[in-house]
C-alpha atoms as a PDB file:
ATOM      1  CA  MET A   1      -0.026   0.093   0.069  1.00  0.00           C
ATOM      2  CA  LYS A   2       2.738   2.447   0.842  1.00  0.00           C
ATOM      3  CA  LYS A   3       4.272   2.002  -2.620  1.00  0.00           C
ATOM      4  CA  ASN A   4       0.822   3.109  -4.200  1.00  0.00           C
ATOM      5  CA  ILE A   5       0.617   6.220  -1.981  1.00  0.00           C
ATOM      6  CA  LEU A   6       4.394   7.070  -2.479  1.00  0.00           C
ATOM      7  CA  PHE A   7       4.703   6.667  -6.216  1.00  0.00           C
ATOM      8  CA  PRO A   8       2.292   9.611  -7.047  1.00  0.00           C
ATOM      9  CA  ALA A   9       4.131  11.769  -4.686  1.00  0.00           C
ATOM     10  CA  VAL A  10       7.540  11.002  -6.175  1.00  0.00           C
ATOM     11  CA  VAL A  11       6.261  11.511  -9.611  1.00  0.00           C
ATOM     12  CA  CYS A  12       4.705  14.923  -8.628  1.00  0.00           C
ATOM     13  CA  MET A  13       7.938  16.160  -7.107  1.00  0.00           C
ATOM     14  CA  ALA A  14       9.990  14.884 -10.140  1.00  0.00           C
ATOM     15  CA  VAL A  15       7.734  16.925 -12.402  1.00  0.00           C
ATOM     16  CA  PHE A  16       7.972  19.833  -9.901  1.00  0.00           C
ATOM     17  CA  LEU A  17      11.726  19.647 -10.003  1.00  0.00           C
ATOM     18  CA  GLY A  18      11.615  19.543 -13.677  1.00  0.00           C
ATOM     19  CA  SER A  19       9.378  22.576 -13.741  1.00  0.00           C
ATOM     20  CA  LEU A  20      11.884  24.343 -11.381  1.00  0.00           C
ATOM     21  CA  GLN A  21      14.953  23.551 -13.663  1.00  0.00           C
ATOM     22  CA  THR A  22      12.785  24.907 -16.774  1.00  0.00           C
ATOM     23  CA  VAL A  23      12.265  28.182 -15.023  1.00  0.00           C
ATOM     24  CA  CYS A  24      15.974  28.313 -13.947  1.00  0.00           C
ATOM     25  CA  ALA A  25      17.052  27.551 -17.473  1.00  0.00           C
ATOM     26  CA  GLN A  26      14.615  30.437 -18.728  1.00  0.00           C
ATOM     27  CA  GLN A  27      16.292  32.679 -16.034  1.00  0.00           C
ATOM     28  CA  ASN A  28      19.625  31.889 -17.252  1.00  0.00           C
ATOM     29  CA  SER A  29      18.690  32.853 -20.838  1.00  0.00           C
ATOM     30  CA  GLY A  30      19.079  36.585 -20.239  1.00  0.00           C
ATOM     31  CA  THR A  31      16.374  37.221 -17.582  1.00  0.00           C
ATOM     32  CA  GLY A  32      18.359  37.298 -14.451  1.00  0.00           C
ATOM     33  CA  GLY A  33      20.924  34.447 -14.561  1.00  0.00           C
ATOM     34  CA  PRO A  34      20.555  31.527 -11.918  1.00  0.00           C
ATOM     35  CA  ALA A  35      19.443  33.906  -9.100  1.00  0.00           C
ATOM     36  CA  GLY A  36      16.442  35.148 -11.177  1.00  0.00           C
ATOM     37  CA  ALA A  37      14.159  32.210 -10.059  1.00  0.00           C
ATOM     38  CA  ILE A  38      14.959  33.003  -6.377  1.00  0.00           C
ATOM     39  CA  LEU A  39      14.999  36.721  -6.544  1.00  0.00           C
ATOM     40  CA  ASN A  40      12.185  37.630  -9.081  1.00  0.00           C
ATOM     41  CA  HIS A  41       9.176  36.628  -7.126  1.00  0.00           C
ATOM     42  CA  TYR A  42       6.664  39.088  -6.085  1.00  0.00           C
ATOM     43  CA  ALA A  43       3.134  39.360  -4.344  1.00  0.00           C
ATOM     44  CA  ALA A  44       0.689  39.334  -7.223  1.00  0.00           C
ATOM     45  CA  ARG A  45      -2.070  41.911  -7.495  1.00  0.00           C
ATOM     46  CA  ASN A  46      -3.378  41.683 -11.104  1.00  0.00           C
ATOM     47  CA  PHE A  47      -5.059  38.381 -10.992  1.00  0.00           C
ATOM     48  CA  THR A  48      -7.057  37.263 -14.022  1.00  0.00           C
ATOM     49  CA  ALA A  49      -9.904  34.537 -14.656  1.00  0.00           C
ATOM     50  CA  GLY A  50      -8.581  31.234 -15.518  1.00  0.00           C
ATOM     51  CA  ALA A  51      -8.609  27.686 -14.048  1.00  0.00           C
ATOM     52  CA  ILE A  52      -5.326  26.194 -12.651  1.00  0.00           C
ATOM     53  CA  PRO A  53      -4.996  22.587 -14.006  1.00  0.00           C
ATOM     54  CA  ALA A  54      -5.285  19.966 -11.357  1.00  0.00           C
ATOM     55  CA  ALA A  55      -1.850  18.570 -11.999  1.00  0.00           C
ATOM     56  CA  ASP A  56      -0.277  22.096 -11.261  1.00  0.00           C
ATOM     57  CA  LEU A  57      -2.267  22.559  -8.274  1.00  0.00           C
ATOM     58  CA  GLU A  58      -1.276  19.281  -6.709  1.00  0.00           C
ATOM     59  CA  LEU A  59       2.453  20.161  -7.508  1.00  0.00           C
ATOM     60  CA  ILE A  60       1.996  23.528  -5.491  1.00  0.00           C
ATOM     61  CA  ILE A  61       0.257  21.739  -2.676  1.00  0.00           C
ATOM     62  CA  GLN A  62       3.063  19.111  -2.660  1.00  0.00           C
ATOM     63  CA  ALA A  63       5.711  21.960  -2.247  1.00  0.00           C
ATOM     64  CA  GLY A  64       3.755  22.956   1.110  1.00  0.00           C
ATOM     65  CA  ILE A  65       3.552  19.415   2.320  1.00  0.00           C
ATOM     66  CA  ARG A  66       7.394  19.045   1.713  1.00  0.00           C
ATOM     67  CA  ALA A  67       8.322  22.099   3.601  1.00  0.00           C
ATOM     68  CA  PRO A  68      10.549  21.776   6.548  1.00  0.00           C
ATOM     69  CA  SER A  69       9.197  21.684  10.275  1.00  0.00           C
ATOM     70  CA  ALA A  70      10.494  21.471  13.757  1.00  0.00           C
ATOM     71  CA  ARG A  71      11.111  17.916  14.600  1.00  0.00           C
ATOM     72  CA  ASN A  72       9.480  16.889  11.495  1.00  0.00           C
ATOM     73  CA  LEU A  73       5.881  17.527  13.235  1.00  0.00           C
ATOM     74  CA  GLN A  74       4.356  18.866  10.072  1.00  0.00           C
ATOM     75  CA  PRO A  75       1.537  20.494  12.139  1.00  0.00           C
ATOM     76  CA  TRP A  76      -0.163  22.139   9.094  1.00  0.00           C
ATOM     77  CA  HIS A  77      -3.488  21.110   7.348  1.00  0.00           C
ATOM     78  CA  PHE A  78      -4.087  22.537   4.024  1.00  0.00           C
ATOM     79  CA  THR A  79      -7.717  23.441   2.861  1.00  0.00           C
ATOM     80  CA  VAL A  80      -7.724  24.131  -0.844  1.00  0.00           C
ATOM     81  CA  VAL A  81     -10.693  26.487  -1.768  1.00  0.00           C
ATOM     82  CA  GLN A  82     -11.971  26.273  -5.197  1.00  0.00           C
ATOM     83  CA  ASN A  83     -15.463  27.339  -4.461  1.00  0.00           C
ATOM     84  CA  GLN A  84     -15.705  31.076  -5.631  1.00  0.00           C
ATOM     85  CA  ASN A  85     -18.613  32.103  -3.443  1.00  0.00           C
ATOM     86  CA  LEU A  86     -16.537  30.867  -0.321  1.00  0.00           C
ATOM     87  CA  ALA A  87     -13.236  32.286  -1.442  1.00  0.00           C
ATOM     88  CA  LYS A  88     -14.870  35.811  -1.972  1.00  0.00           C
ATOM     89  CA  LYS A  89     -15.699  35.704   1.805  1.00  0.00           C
ATOM     90  CA  MET A  90     -12.006  35.626   2.529  1.00  0.00           C
ATOM     91  CA  VAL A  91     -10.544  37.664  -0.340  1.00  0.00           C
ATOM     92  CA  SER A  92     -13.165  40.064  -1.851  1.00  0.00           C
ATOM     93  CA  ASP A  93     -11.450  40.594  -5.159  1.00  0.00           C
ATOM     94  CA  ASN A  94     -10.903  36.910  -5.905  1.00  0.00           C
ATOM     95  CA  VAL A  95     -11.627  36.151  -9.370  1.00  0.00           C
ATOM     96  CA  ASP A  96     -12.838  32.953 -11.199  1.00  0.00           C
ATOM     97  CA  GLY A  97     -10.229  30.275 -11.195  1.00  0.00           C
ATOM     98  CA  ASN A  98      -8.037  31.581  -8.428  1.00  0.00           C
ATOM     99  CA  VAL A  99      -7.605  29.098  -5.583  1.00  0.00           C
ATOM    100  CA  LEU A 100      -6.914  30.041  -1.853  1.00  0.00           C
ATOM    101  CA  ILE A 101      -4.872  27.573  -0.034  1.00  0.00           C
ATOM    102  CA  VAL A 102      -5.592  27.937   3.697  1.00  0.00           C
ATOM    103  CA  VAL A 103      -2.885  26.669   6.087  1.00  0.00           C
ATOM    104  CA  SER A 104      -4.016  25.831   9.508  1.00  0.00           C
ATOM    105  CA  ALA A 105      -2.664  24.281  12.668  1.00  0.00           C
ATOM    106  CA  ARG A 106      -3.731  23.105  16.205  1.00  0.00           C
ATOM    107  CA  GLY A 107      -4.544  26.086  18.575  1.00  0.00           C
ATOM    108  CA  ASP A 108      -5.948  29.549  18.117  1.00  0.00           C
ATOM    109  CA  GLY A 109      -3.508  30.540  15.274  1.00  0.00           C
ATOM    110  CA  THR A 110      -1.562  33.052  17.361  1.00  0.00           C
ATOM    111  CA  THR A 111      -0.006  31.448  20.339  1.00  0.00           C
ATOM    112  CA  ASN A 112       2.209  28.547  19.328  1.00  0.00           C
ATOM    113  CA  GLY A 113       5.292  30.270  17.824  1.00  0.00           C
ATOM    114  CA  VAL A 114       6.805  26.950  16.731  1.00  0.00           C
ATOM    115  CA  GLN A 115       3.774  25.919  14.882  1.00  0.00           C
ATOM    116  CA  ILE A 116       3.331  29.432  13.273  1.00  0.00           C
ATOM    117  CA  LEU A 117       6.853  29.297  11.925  1.00  0.00           C
ATOM    118  CA  ASP A 118       6.245  25.880  10.639  1.00  0.00           C
ATOM    119  CA  CYS A 119       3.144  26.896   8.877  1.00  0.00           C
ATOM    120  CA  ALA A 120       4.951  29.982   7.431  1.00  0.00           C
ATOM    121  CA  LEU A 121       7.548  27.706   5.924  1.00  0.00           C
ATOM    122  CA  ALA A 122       4.821  25.671   4.160  1.00  0.00           C
ATOM    123  CA  VAL A 123       3.027  29.051   2.965  1.00  0.00           C
ATOM    124  CA  GLU A 124       6.447  30.327   1.507  1.00  0.00           C
ATOM    125  CA  SER A 125       6.860  27.001  -0.267  1.00  0.00           C
ATOM    126  CA  ILE A 126       3.418  27.045  -1.635  1.00  0.00           C
ATOM    127  CA  TYR A 127       3.979  30.804  -2.791  1.00  0.00           C
ATOM    128  CA  LEU A 128       7.284  30.204  -4.516  1.00  0.00           C
ATOM    129  CA  ALA A 129       6.007  26.838  -6.192  1.00  0.00           C
ATOM    130  CA  ALA A 130       2.972  28.729  -7.758  1.00  0.00           C
ATOM    131  CA  GLN A 131       5.270  31.374  -9.204  1.00  0.00           C
ATOM    132  CA  ALA A 132       7.929  28.684 -10.397  1.00  0.00           C
ATOM    133  CA  LEU A 133       5.047  27.231 -12.299  1.00  0.00           C
ATOM    134  CA  GLY A 134       4.102  30.678 -13.934  1.00  0.00           C
ATOM    135  CA  TYR A 135       1.320  31.555 -11.739  1.00  0.00           C
ATOM    136  CA  GLY A 136       0.811  34.559  -9.617  1.00  0.00           C
ATOM    137  CA  SER A 137       0.668  34.139  -5.662  1.00  0.00           C
ATOM    138  CA  ARG A 138       0.038  36.400  -2.769  1.00  0.00           C
ATOM    139  CA  ILE A 139       0.198  35.568   0.941  1.00  0.00           C
ATOM    140  CA  TYR A 140      -2.699  36.910   3.128  1.00  0.00           C
ATOM    141  CA  THR A 141      -2.619  36.968   7.054  1.00  0.00           C
ATOM    142  CA  GLY A 142      -5.088  40.030   7.516  1.00  0.00           C
ATOM    143  CA  PRO A 143      -8.293  37.935   6.963  1.00  0.00           C
ATOM    144  CA  MET A 144      -7.304  35.403   9.580  1.00  0.00           C
ATOM    145  CA  SER A 145      -9.138  36.681  12.534  1.00  0.00           C
ATOM    146  CA  ALA A 146     -12.508  37.066  10.629  1.00  0.00           C
ATOM    147  CA  LEU A 147     -11.990  33.590   9.031  1.00  0.00           C
ATOM    148  CA  ASN A 148     -11.325  31.939  12.346  1.00  0.00           C
ATOM    149  CA  SER A 149     -14.486  33.588  14.108  1.00  0.00           C
ATOM    150  CA  SER A 150     -16.900  32.877  11.313  1.00  0.00           C
ATOM    151  CA  LEU A 151     -15.587  30.425   8.588  1.00  0.00           C
ATOM    152  CA  LYS A 152     -13.899  27.429  10.401  1.00  0.00           C
ATOM    153  CA  THR A 153     -17.038  25.451  10.104  1.00  0.00           C
ATOM    154  CA  GLU A 154     -17.721  26.224   6.465  1.00  0.00           C
ATOM    155  CA  LEU A 155     -14.105  25.549   5.696  1.00  0.00           C
ATOM    156  CA  SER A 156     -14.219  22.203   7.499  1.00  0.00           C
ATOM    157  CA  LEU A 157     -11.054  23.028   9.350  1.00  0.00           C
ATOM    158  CA  PRO A 158      -9.825  20.119  11.354  1.00  0.00           C
ATOM    159  CA  SER A 159     -11.057  19.984  14.900  1.00  0.00           C
ATOM    160  CA  GLY A 160      -8.978  22.277  17.179  1.00  0.00           C
ATOM    161  CA  HIS A 161      -7.422  24.030  14.378  1.00  0.00           C
ATOM    162  CA  SER A 162      -7.258  27.750  13.435  1.00  0.00           C
ATOM    163  CA  ALA A 163      -6.195  29.269  10.158  1.00  0.00           C
ATOM    164  CA  VAL A 164      -2.744  30.889  10.151  1.00  0.00           C
ATOM    165  CA  ALA A 165      -2.350  32.175   6.567  1.00  0.00           C
ATOM    166  CA  LEU A 166      -3.661  31.599   3.165  1.00  0.00           C
ATOM    167  CA  VAL A 167      -2.171  31.709  -0.090  1.00  0.00           C
ATOM    168  CA  ARG A 168      -3.930  32.972  -3.232  1.00  0.00           C
ATOM    169  CA  VAL A 169      -2.814  31.264  -6.567  1.00  0.00           C
ATOM    170  CA  GLY A 170      -4.014  32.194 -10.097  1.00  0.00           C
ATOM    171  CA  LYS A 171      -3.296  33.456 -13.396  1.00  0.00           C
ATOM    172  CA  VAL A 172      -1.897  37.019 -13.743  1.00  0.00           C
ATOM    173  CA  GLN A 173      -1.784  39.591 -16.392  1.00  0.00           C
ATOM    174  CA  GLY A 174       1.116  39.327 -19.007  1.00  0.00           C
ATOM    175  CA  GLY A 175       3.714  41.882 -18.869  1.00  0.00           C
ATOM    176  CA  VAL A 176       3.739  42.052 -15.005  1.00  0.00           C
ATOM    177  CA  ASP A 177       6.922  40.934 -13.320  1.00  0.00           C
ATOM    178  CA  ALA A 178       8.945  41.533 -10.178  1.00  0.00           C
ATOM    179  CA  VAL A 179      10.119  44.939 -11.342  1.00  0.00           C
ATOM    180  CA  SER A 180       6.805  46.320 -12.300  1.00  0.00           C
ATOM    181  CA  ALA A 181       4.848  44.847  -9.513  1.00  0.00           C
ATOM    182  CA  ALA A 182       6.973  44.523  -6.338  1.00  0.00           C
ATOM    183  CA  SER A 183       7.004  47.058  -3.608  1.00  0.00           C
ATOM    184  CA  SER A 184      10.278  48.813  -2.807  1.00  0.00           C
ATOM    185  CA  ARG A 185      12.766  46.881  -0.820  1.00  0.00           C
ATOM    186  CA  LYS A 186      14.974  48.127   1.957  1.00  0.00           C
ATOM    187  CA  LYS A 187      18.648  48.191   1.339  1.00  0.00           C
ATOM    188  CA  THR A 188      20.735  45.260   2.236  1.00  0.00           C
ATOM    189  CA  GLU A 189      22.877  47.207   4.459  1.00  0.00           C
ATOM    190  CA  GLU A 190      19.939  48.124   6.653  1.00  0.00           C
ATOM    191  CA  LEU A 191      19.000  44.500   7.128  1.00  0.00           C
ATOM    192  CA  VAL A 192      21.998  42.399   7.218  1.00  0.00           C
ATOM    193  CA  THR A 193      25.230  42.375   9.527  1.00  0.00           C
ATOM    194  CA  TYR A 194      27.967  40.117   8.442  1.00  0.00           C
ATOM    195  CA  LYS A 195      30.313  39.172  11.204  1.00  0.00           C
ATOM    196  CA  LYS A 196      33.604  37.884   9.912  1.00  0.00           C
END
């Protein structure tokens, strides 16, 4: 039985890694070098309608599942919201075809720092995987209070779980990239101290 469960996951990861290699190769062809795939992500705002193929969505979810966690506890649960009426209750400007991935963990969503950090790693993995596959992605934490107070049952979150964050994934307008869409970043010297 384990072979039957493991094989699809291995295939998905192989396809995902192949997609990442393709993205890196495209980045090497003049659009940012090998660091382009790492540094050119941005929080998308210009989402357009259009469905995400099930195979791509599965790869994106697998990236979250494979995120690192403290003591490998994997405390997260992923609720994939494709129902547009429910999605609009969380993100009012959600458009047809966008998917919201709600990441939840046991507790109230604010008190267990280790679980929140673990979930944040899963959220970042989902966010980057979506962009590696050519989709826009955006992380939301603002709607969590309202979501936890009024939508837990409708989302069928596991008993005792609260939402920590959600990632919106969807198609984006052409011609928008990390340069034209990203907010300004602080200078490296303001944020990093090297001790040699």
